[in-house]
Amino acid sequence: MKNFRVLSFAAALIVSAAVLTSCGKAEGGSSSDTAESKAESVSSAAEEQPQTAEKPDLARSGDMRGMTPAELVADMKTGWNLGNTLDATGGAGVSSETSWGNPATTKEMIDAVKAGGFDMIRIPITWGGHMGAAPDYTVDEEWFGRVQEVVNYAYDNDMYVIINSHHEEDWRIPDNAHIDAVDEQVGALWGQIAERFKDYGDHLIFEGLNEPRVKNGTNEWNGGTEEGRRCLDRLNQTFVDAVRATGGNNESRLLLVTTFASSCVKAAISDVAIPDDKNIAFSIHAYTPYAFTYNANADWELFDWDGSHDGEIDNMFYDLKEAFLDKGIPVIITEYGAVNKDFNDEEIAKWLTHYLGTAKSLGIPCVWWDNGYYLSGNELFGLFDRKDCDWFSKTELDAIMKVYE
């Protein structure tokens, strides 16, 4: 659940406040923080479980083409998130994949996403419930195998594949009281992931930290605190160092680091250290403007897109350009999207045209957040119907693809 705080807006601050809350989301798009509300949102979901028996050798290899981060990012077009799936935290073991109501991922699904025109897929993954105790923090082998199986569906399709560490906020707390233990676990986790995937080519990208923040902390979604930002800097560098230490293709693999809460607000993007590494880019989340992209349940909520809020999108992208692109650091918007508000597909299509057109003009690829929910559930970001391997909204899909013709 995106636990945005309810803000009190004076009339003169409505627009600026909407921008501030449009750049991140709590829990990476999970259905809810409680078992009861999760159950409500998935009551009609199939009980299918992932099949992991009798798998062939999962190992893959590939070329590192010697491309710079800017060249690699420029080769990407548009992406899709396999949300609320391998990042789901209900159940135990591999059964957690379906615990938030989405079916087990199949090759047919990923083939359909590729056929729809997407050349990038981001696979959010929660590892914390599948790791052993300190000091080794060993990842469960069955879970690793299932993750790798899904990665291969996309990798074998010649897609760019981003894998990350999602929903880790219960243990990955970036403050002074926790940072030493957190730093150790982040390093141990990414050392194992990097070793597992070290032979894959440069179509596989690692994203170290999804929305790192102190839950319910000060300015949780708007840049955090000085203490939190400095702890984040340390974790970004630890992630990079852990991956590079494994050698092989990981010596030059593109790595995505991020801001506090992966936020696009100025307080976050203007005060983040750029790790000492030449093969990095920044991962940013931008649900802009929040009044349109979410069910805000407030009198300032937007249901139609008439172009009068184009400036909020333009300003956000200009800020990213100034903070990163102008310094030679590429950016990928690894999460964006707009919820279904009474089937306002035509309005979302107009929003998409401006949003993605602006992103494309700056060379910033964007990855739609799809949690699988379109008709029911919490946060209706669904674009692809995984049960029928078809699209909930061809209007939105066509709007995305038209930008990249």
Protein backbone atom coordinates (compact mmCIF):
# COMPACT_ATOMS: atom_id res chain seq x y z
CA MET A 1 0.00 0.00 0.00
CA LYS A 2 1.25 3.45 -0.83
CA ASN A 3 0.93 4.94 2.62
CA PHE A 4 1.01 8.57 1.64
CA ARG A 5 0.30 10.76 4.59
CA VAL A 6 -2.88 12.81 4.41
CA LEU A 7 -1.69 16.34 3.92
CA SER A 8 -3.42 19.55 4.85
CA PHE A 9 -3.38 21.89 1.88
CA ALA A 10 -4.01 25.57 1.78
CA ALA A 11 -5.48 26.63 -1.54
CA ALA A 12 -2.31 28.34 -2.65
CA LEU A 13 -0.24 25.21 -1.97
CA ILE A 14 -2.35 22.62 -3.73
CA VAL A 15 -0.21 22.31 -6.83
CA SER A 16 3.18 22.24 -5.12
CA ALA A 17 2.01 19.75 -2.51
CA ALA A 18 0.66 17.46 -5.19
CA VAL A 19 4.05 17.47 -6.86
CA LEU A 20 5.83 16.64 -3.61
CA THR A 21 3.71 13.56 -3.02
CA SER A 22 3.90 12.25 -6.57
CA CYS A 23 7.42 10.91 -6.47
CA GLY A 24 7.30 7.74 -4.41
CA LYS A 25 5.04 5.14 -2.93
CA ALA A 26 4.97 3.13 0.23
CA GLU A 27 5.56 -0.59 0.12
CA GLY A 28 6.33 -0.62 -3.59
CA GLY A 29 2.68 -1.06 -4.54
CA SER A 30 1.71 -3.85 -2.18
CA SER A 31 -1.99 -4.47 -1.84
CA SER A 32 -2.10 -3.54 1.85
CA ASP A 33 -0.13 -3.57 5.07
CA THR A 34 -2.65 -5.86 6.79
CA ALA A 35 -3.60 -9.46 6.17
CA GLU A 36 -7.31 -8.56 6.23
CA SER A 37 -7.15 -5.95 3.50
CA LYS A 38 -4.83 -8.10 1.39
CA ALA A 39 -7.37 -10.88 1.58
CA GLU A 40 -10.15 -8.53 0.46
CA SER A 41 -8.20 -7.37 -2.58
CA VAL A 42 -7.38 -10.86 -3.78
CA SER A 43 -10.52 -12.76 -2.82
CA SER A 44 -11.17 -13.89 -6.39
CA ALA A 45 -7.56 -14.72 -7.22
CA ALA A 46 -6.50 -18.14 -8.36
CA GLU A 47 -4.54 -20.27 -5.95
CA GLU A 48 -1.99 -21.34 -8.56
CA GLN A 49 1.46 -21.91 -7.16
CA PRO A 50 4.75 -21.66 -9.05
CA GLN A 51 6.08 -24.91 -10.41
CA THR A 52 9.76 -25.31 -9.62
CA ALA A 53 10.32 -29.06 -9.95
CA GLU A 54 12.47 -30.65 -12.62
CA LYS A 55 13.89 -27.38 -13.93
CA PRO A 56 16.68 -27.47 -16.49
CA ASP A 57 20.00 -25.81 -15.87
CA LEU A 58 19.19 -22.14 -15.24
CA ALA A 59 22.65 -20.80 -16.00
CA ARG A 60 22.93 -18.15 -18.68
CA SER A 61 25.80 -16.25 -20.21
CA GLY A 62 25.99 -13.22 -22.43
CA ASP A 63 28.07 -10.49 -23.90
CA MET A 64 29.16 -7.30 -22.26
CA ARG A 65 29.22 -5.02 -25.29
CA GLY A 66 31.48 -2.36 -23.85
CA MET A 67 28.74 0.28 -23.92
CA THR A 68 28.84 3.25 -21.58
CA PRO A 69 25.91 3.70 -19.18
CA ALA A 70 24.60 6.51 -21.39
CA GLU A 71 24.80 4.30 -24.49
CA LEU A 72 23.14 1.39 -22.73
CA VAL A 73 20.27 3.50 -21.39
CA ALA A 74 19.85 5.14 -24.80
CA ASP A 75 19.29 1.64 -26.24
CA MET A 76 16.26 1.15 -23.98
CA LYS A 77 12.76 2.24 -24.94
CA THR A 78 9.93 1.44 -22.58
CA GLY A 79 9.39 -0.97 -19.69
CA TRP A 80 6.92 -2.87 -17.53
CA ASN A 81 7.03 -3.97 -13.87
CA LEU A 82 6.10 -7.49 -12.74
CA GLY A 83 4.70 -5.97 -9.56
CA ASN A 84 3.11 -7.63 -6.51
CA THR A 85 4.56 -10.99 -7.47
CA LEU A 86 8.11 -11.96 -6.50
CA ASP A 87 7.97 -8.96 -4.18
CA ALA A 88 4.84 -10.25 -2.40
CA THR A 89 5.45 -11.05 1.25
CA GLY A 90 2.57 -13.33 2.23
CA GLY A 91 2.97 -17.08 2.54
CA ALA A 92 6.26 -18.90 2.83
CA GLY A 93 8.91 -20.03 0.40
CA VAL A 94 8.07 -19.94 -3.29
CA SER A 95 4.34 -19.80 -2.47
CA SER A 96 4.81 -16.14 -1.56
CA GLU A 97 4.81 -15.35 -5.30
CA THR A 98 1.03 -15.77 -5.50
CA SER A 99 0.19 -14.55 -1.99
CA TRP A 100 -1.05 -11.14 -3.16
CA GLY A 101 -3.43 -12.56 -5.73
CA ASN A 102 -1.45 -12.62 -8.95
CA PRO A 103 -0.90 -15.96 -10.71
CA ALA A 104 2.49 -17.59 -10.89
CA THR A 105 4.58 -16.02 -13.62
CA THR A 106 4.89 -18.00 -16.83
CA LYS A 107 6.98 -17.68 -19.96
CA GLU A 108 3.76 -17.10 -21.88
CA MET A 109 3.10 -13.95 -19.84
CA ILE A 110 6.53 -12.51 -20.46
CA ASP A 111 6.34 -13.40 -24.16
CA ALA A 112 3.05 -11.47 -24.35
CA VAL A 113 4.57 -8.43 -22.66
CA LYS A 114 7.42 -8.50 -25.15
CA ALA A 115 4.94 -8.88 -28.04
CA GLY A 116 3.07 -5.85 -26.71
CA GLY A 117 6.13 -3.73 -27.49
CA PHE A 118 8.03 -3.57 -24.21
CA ASP A 119 11.79 -4.07 -24.39
CA MET A 120 12.42 -3.73 -20.63
CA ILE A 121 11.05 -5.63 -17.67
CA ARG A 122 11.68 -4.83 -14.02
CA ILE A 123 11.28 -7.75 -11.65
CA PRO A 124 10.74 -6.52 -8.08
CA ILE A 125 11.98 -9.14 -5.60
CA THR A 126 11.71 -9.27 -1.83
CA TRP A 127 14.56 -11.26 -0.28
CA GLY A 128 14.29 -10.61 3.46
CA GLY A 129 11.87 -13.44 4.19
CA HIS A 130 14.02 -15.84 2.16
CA MET A 131 17.34 -15.20 3.92
CA GLY A 132 19.04 -16.94 6.80
CA ALA A 133 20.50 -15.34 9.90
CA ALA A 134 23.65 -13.27 10.33
CA PRO A 135 26.44 -13.28 9.50
CA ASP A 136 25.95 -15.13 6.21
CA TYR A 137 22.33 -14.15 5.45
CA THR A 138 22.15 -17.10 3.06
CA VAL A 139 19.39 -16.84 0.44
CA ASP A 140 17.14 -19.89 0.22
CA GLU A 141 18.16 -21.99 -2.80
CA GLU A 142 14.61 -22.78 -3.91
CA TRP A 143 13.75 -19.07 -3.90
CA PHE A 144 16.91 -18.23 -5.82
CA GLY A 145 16.00 -20.85 -8.41
CA ARG A 146 12.50 -19.48 -8.89
CA VAL A 147 13.77 -15.92 -9.23
CA GLN A 148 16.32 -17.02 -11.80
CA GLU A 149 13.70 -18.94 -13.73
CA VAL A 150 11.56 -15.80 -14.09
CA VAL A 151 14.59 -13.68 -14.96
CA ASN A 152 15.38 -16.12 -17.76
CA TYR A 153 11.92 -15.75 -19.28
CA ALA A 154 12.72 -12.10 -20.00
CA TYR A 155 16.46 -12.41 -20.55
CA ASP A 156 15.96 -15.11 -23.18
CA ASN A 157 13.55 -12.73 -24.94
CA ASP A 158 16.44 -10.30 -25.47
CA MET A 159 14.79 -7.82 -23.10
CA TYR A 160 16.58 -5.56 -20.67
CA VAL A 161 15.94 -7.01 -17.22
CA ILE A 162 16.18 -5.10 -13.94
CA ILE A 163 16.23 -7.05 -10.67
CA ASN A 164 16.16 -5.37 -7.28
CA SER A 165 15.58 -5.74 -3.53
CA HIS A 166 12.00 -4.69 -2.75
CA HIS A 167 9.92 -4.32 0.45
CA GLU A 168 12.94 -4.64 2.72
CA GLU A 169 12.01 -1.72 4.95
CA ASP A 170 11.44 -3.82 8.07
CA TRP A 171 15.16 -4.58 8.28
CA ARG A 172 16.77 -2.10 5.90
CA ILE A 173 16.43 0.99 8.08
CA PRO A 174 18.72 3.85 7.03
CA ASP A 175 19.40 5.52 10.36
CA ASN A 176 22.38 5.65 12.69
CA ALA A 177 20.90 3.16 15.13
CA HIS A 178 20.66 0.40 12.51
CA ILE A 179 23.14 1.26 9.77
CA ASP A 180 25.99 -1.08 10.73
CA ALA A 181 23.82 -4.20 10.73
CA VAL A 182 21.90 -3.04 7.68
CA ASP A 183 25.09 -2.31 5.76
CA GLU A 184 26.37 -5.81 6.52
CA GLN A 185 23.16 -7.46 5.32
CA VAL A 186 22.93 -5.35 2.14
CA GLY A 187 26.49 -6.33 1.26
CA ALA A 188 25.87 -10.01 1.96
CA LEU A 189 22.66 -10.05 -0.07
CA TRP A 190 24.07 -8.34 -3.13
CA GLY A 191 27.23 -10.42 -3.02
CA GLN A 192 25.08 -13.54 -3.39
CA ILE A 193 22.85 -12.08 -6.11
CA ALA A 194 25.84 -10.83 -8.05
CA GLU A 195 27.61 -14.18 -7.81
CA ARG A 196 24.49 -16.00 -8.99
CA PHE A 197 24.06 -13.83 -12.07
CA LYS A 198 27.68 -12.87 -12.83
CA ASP A 199 27.79 -14.61 -16.22
CA TYR A 200 24.76 -12.82 -17.61
CA GLY A 201 25.41 -10.13 -20.22
CA ASP A 202 24.69 -6.44 -20.06
CA HIS A 203 20.96 -6.90 -20.67
CA LEU A 204 20.75 -7.74 -16.95
CA ILE A 205 20.85 -4.73 -14.62
CA PHE A 206 20.99 -4.67 -10.81
CA GLU A 207 19.01 -2.10 -8.83
CA GLY A 208 20.30 -2.05 -5.27
CA LEU A 209 17.66 -0.38 -3.11
CA ASN A 210 13.96 0.13 -3.77
CA GLU A 211 12.52 3.18 -1.97
CA PRO A 212 15.02 3.09 0.95
CA ARG A 213 13.56 5.06 3.83
CA VAL A 214 12.58 5.01 7.49
CA LYS A 215 8.95 3.94 7.54
CA ASN A 216 6.74 6.59 9.14
CA GLY A 217 9.85 8.71 9.65
CA THR A 218 10.30 12.43 9.15
CA ASN A 219 9.75 13.47 5.52
CA GLU A 220 9.44 9.80 4.60
CA TRP A 221 8.58 10.50 0.96
CA ASN A 222 10.00 14.00 0.61
CA GLY A 223 13.72 13.52 1.09
CA GLY A 224 13.98 12.22 4.63
CA THR A 225 16.53 13.71 6.99
CA GLU A 226 20.23 14.52 6.77
CA GLU A 227 20.95 11.38 8.82
CA GLY A 228 18.86 9.20 6.56
CA ARG A 229 20.40 10.56 3.38
CA ARG A 230 23.93 9.95 4.64
CA CYS A 231 23.03 6.40 5.62
CA LEU A 232 21.59 5.90 2.16
CA ASP A 233 24.83 7.14 0.58
CA ARG A 234 26.66 4.45 2.51
CA LEU A 235 24.24 1.72 1.39
CA ASN A 236 24.42 2.78 -2.26
CA GLN A 237 28.21 2.47 -2.16
CA THR A 238 28.08 -0.87 -0.31
CA PHE A 239 25.77 -2.25 -2.99
CA VAL A 240 28.15 -1.13 -5.75
CA ASP A 241 31.23 -2.49 -3.94
CA ALA A 242 29.58 -5.87 -3.22
CA VAL A 243 28.66 -6.39 -6.86
CA ARG A 244 32.02 -5.28 -8.25
CA ALA A 245 33.89 -7.58 -5.84
CA THR A 246 32.40 -10.66 -7.54
CA GLY A 247 34.30 -9.92 -10.76
CA GLY A 248 33.51 -11.24 -14.21
CA ASN A 249 30.76 -9.40 -16.04
CA ASN A 250 29.87 -7.68 -12.79
CA GLU A 251 32.99 -5.55 -13.04
CA SER A 252 31.22 -3.40 -15.63
CA ARG A 253 27.52 -4.27 -15.25
CA LEU A 254 25.15 -1.29 -15.13
CA LEU A 255 24.08 -0.70 -11.53
CA LEU A 256 21.17 1.48 -10.45
CA VAL A 257 21.49 3.49 -7.27
CA THR A 258 18.76 5.73 -5.91
CA THR A 259 17.69 8.65 -3.76
CA PHE A 260 15.98 8.58 -0.38
CA ALA A 261 12.67 6.74 -0.97
CA SER A 262 13.61 6.75 -4.68
CA SER A 263 12.00 10.18 -4.66
CA CYS A 264 12.14 12.77 -7.41
CA VAL A 265 11.67 15.76 -5.10
CA LYS A 266 14.49 18.28 -4.99
CA ALA A 267 15.36 17.57 -1.36
CA ALA A 268 16.20 14.00 -2.37
CA ILE A 269 17.83 14.41 -5.77
CA SER A 270 19.94 17.41 -4.80
CA ASP A 271 21.47 15.75 -1.74
CA VAL A 272 22.57 12.28 -2.71
CA ALA A 273 26.15 11.16 -3.20
CA ILE A 274 27.12 9.74 -6.57
CA PRO A 275 29.05 6.53 -5.89
CA ASP A 276 32.63 6.27 -7.05
CA ASP A 277 31.94 4.11 -10.08
CA LYS A 278 31.75 4.71 -13.82
CA ASN A 279 28.96 2.24 -14.64
CA ILE A 280 25.99 3.55 -12.70
CA ALA A 281 22.69 5.27 -13.32
CA PHE A 282 19.98 6.55 -10.97
CA SER A 283 16.65 4.83 -10.41
CA ILE A 284 13.84 7.28 -9.66
CA HIS A 285 10.09 6.85 -9.04
CA ALA A 286 7.78 9.57 -10.34
CA TYR A 287 3.99 9.31 -10.11
CA THR A 288 3.53 12.85 -11.33
CA PRO A 289 1.25 14.59 -10.62
CA TYR A 290 -0.07 12.66 -7.64
CA ALA A 291 -3.51 14.27 -7.93
CA PHE A 292 -4.00 12.54 -11.28
CA THR A 293 -2.05 9.30 -10.85
CA TYR A 294 -3.67 8.25 -7.55
CA ASN A 295 -7.05 8.08 -5.91
CA ALA A 296 -6.28 10.90 -3.52
CA ASN A 297 -9.85 11.15 -2.19
CA ALA A 298 -9.52 14.91 -1.89
CA ASP A 299 -11.19 17.87 -3.52
CA TRP A 300 -8.01 18.63 -5.45
CA GLU A 301 -7.91 15.22 -7.14
CA LEU A 302 -7.69 15.20 -10.95
CA PHE A 303 -9.72 12.83 -13.11
CA ASP A 304 -9.22 14.47 -16.50
CA TRP A 305 -6.04 15.53 -18.28
CA ASP A 306 -6.53 18.82 -20.10
CA GLY A 307 -2.87 19.84 -20.26
CA SER A 308 -3.12 22.44 -17.51
CA HIS A 309 -0.77 20.39 -15.30
CA ASP A 310 1.83 19.66 -17.97
CA GLY A 311 4.17 22.03 -16.15
CA GLU A 312 4.41 19.72 -13.14
CA ILE A 313 5.74 16.96 -15.38
CA ASP A 314 8.08 19.35 -17.18
CA ASN A 315 9.49 20.73 -13.93
CA MET A 316 10.08 17.27 -12.49
CA PHE A 317 12.02 16.15 -15.54
CA TYR A 318 13.98 19.41 -15.64
CA ASP A 319 15.03 18.82 -12.03
CA LEU A 320 16.26 15.32 -12.92
CA LYS A 321 18.17 16.73 -15.86
CA GLU A 322 19.88 19.31 -13.67
CA ALA A 323 20.66 16.84 -10.86
CA PHE A 324 21.91 13.92 -12.96
CA LEU A 325 21.85 14.16 -16.75
CA ASP A 326 23.85 17.38 -16.84
CA LYS A 327 26.51 15.57 -14.80
CA GLY A 328 26.66 12.66 -17.23
CA ILE A 329 24.64 10.31 -15.00
CA PRO A 330 21.76 8.53 -16.79
CA VAL A 331 18.34 8.16 -15.18
CA ILE A 332 15.71 5.44 -15.46
CA ILE A 333 12.21 6.04 -14.09
CA THR A 334 11.78 2.52 -12.74
CA GLU A 335 8.23 3.23 -11.56
CA TYR A 336 5.51 5.45 -12.99
CA GLY A 337 1.84 4.97 -13.79
CA ALA A 338 -1.71 6.17 -13.21
CA VAL A 339 -4.58 4.28 -11.60
CA ASN A 340 -7.83 3.40 -13.32
CA LYS A 341 -10.40 5.99 -12.19
CA ASP A 342 -13.74 4.80 -13.52
CA PHE A 343 -12.16 3.69 -16.79
CA ASN A 344 -10.60 7.05 -17.63
CA ASP A 345 -8.31 5.36 -20.16
CA GLU A 346 -8.56 8.18 -22.69
CA GLU A 347 -7.45 10.71 -20.08
CA ILE A 348 -4.53 8.50 -19.01
CA ALA A 349 -3.55 8.18 -22.67
CA LYS A 350 -3.32 11.97 -22.95
CA TRP A 351 -1.23 12.09 -19.77
CA LEU A 352 1.02 9.33 -21.08
CA THR A 353 1.64 11.20 -24.32
CA HIS A 354 3.03 14.22 -22.51
CA TYR A 355 4.79 12.32 -19.71
CA LEU A 356 6.58 9.83 -21.96
CA GLY A 357 7.18 12.34 -24.70
CA THR A 358 9.05 14.54 -22.24
CA ALA A 359 10.98 11.58 -20.84
CA LYS A 360 11.92 10.39 -24.32
CA SER A 361 13.17 13.84 -25.31
CA LEU A 362 15.65 13.65 -22.40
CA GLY A 363 16.63 10.02 -22.97
CA ILE A 364 14.98 8.75 -19.77
CA PRO A 365 13.33 5.30 -20.15
CA CYS A 366 10.25 4.70 -17.99
CA VAL A 367 8.92 1.45 -16.52
CA TRP A 368 5.16 1.23 -15.85
CA TRP A 369 4.22 0.00 -12.37
CA ASP A 370 1.79 -2.89 -12.92
CA ASN A 371 0.47 -4.58 -9.78
CA GLY A 372 -2.04 -6.73 -11.67
CA TYR A 373 -5.12 -4.91 -10.33
CA TYR A 374 -7.42 -3.13 -12.79
CA LEU A 375 -11.03 -3.85 -11.82
CA SER A 376 -10.70 -4.53 -8.09
CA GLY A 377 -8.15 -4.30 -5.33
CA ASN A 378 -6.14 -1.46 -3.91
CA GLU A 379 -4.37 0.86 -6.38
CA LEU A 380 -5.62 -0.06 -9.82
CA PHE A 381 -2.38 0.15 -11.80
CA GLY A 382 -3.07 -2.99 -13.84
CA LEU A 383 -2.17 -2.78 -17.52
CA PHE A 384 -1.58 -6.44 -18.45
CA ASP A 385 -4.09 -9.18 -17.59
CA ARG A 386 -1.81 -11.99 -16.46
CA LYS A 387 -4.63 -14.52 -16.21
CA ASP A 388 -5.70 -14.13 -19.85
CA CYS A 389 -2.34 -12.92 -21.25
CA ASP A 390 -4.03 -9.86 -22.73
CA TRP A 391 -4.21 -6.13 -22.05
CA PHE A 392 -6.71 -4.52 -19.72
CA SER A 393 -6.47 -1.29 -21.69
CA LYS A 394 -5.37 -1.25 -25.31
CA THR A 395 -5.91 2.50 -25.23
CA GLU A 396 -3.15 2.97 -22.67
CA LEU A 397 -0.87 0.41 -24.29
CA ASP A 398 -1.26 2.09 -27.68
CA ALA A 399 -0.51 5.50 -26.13
CA ILE A 400 2.73 4.19 -24.65
CA MET A 401 3.88 2.53 -27.86
CA LYS A 402 2.97 5.46 -30.08
CA VAL A 403 5.57 7.60 -28.25
CA TYR A 404 8.28 5.14 -29.25
CA GLU A 405 7.31 4.58 -32.89
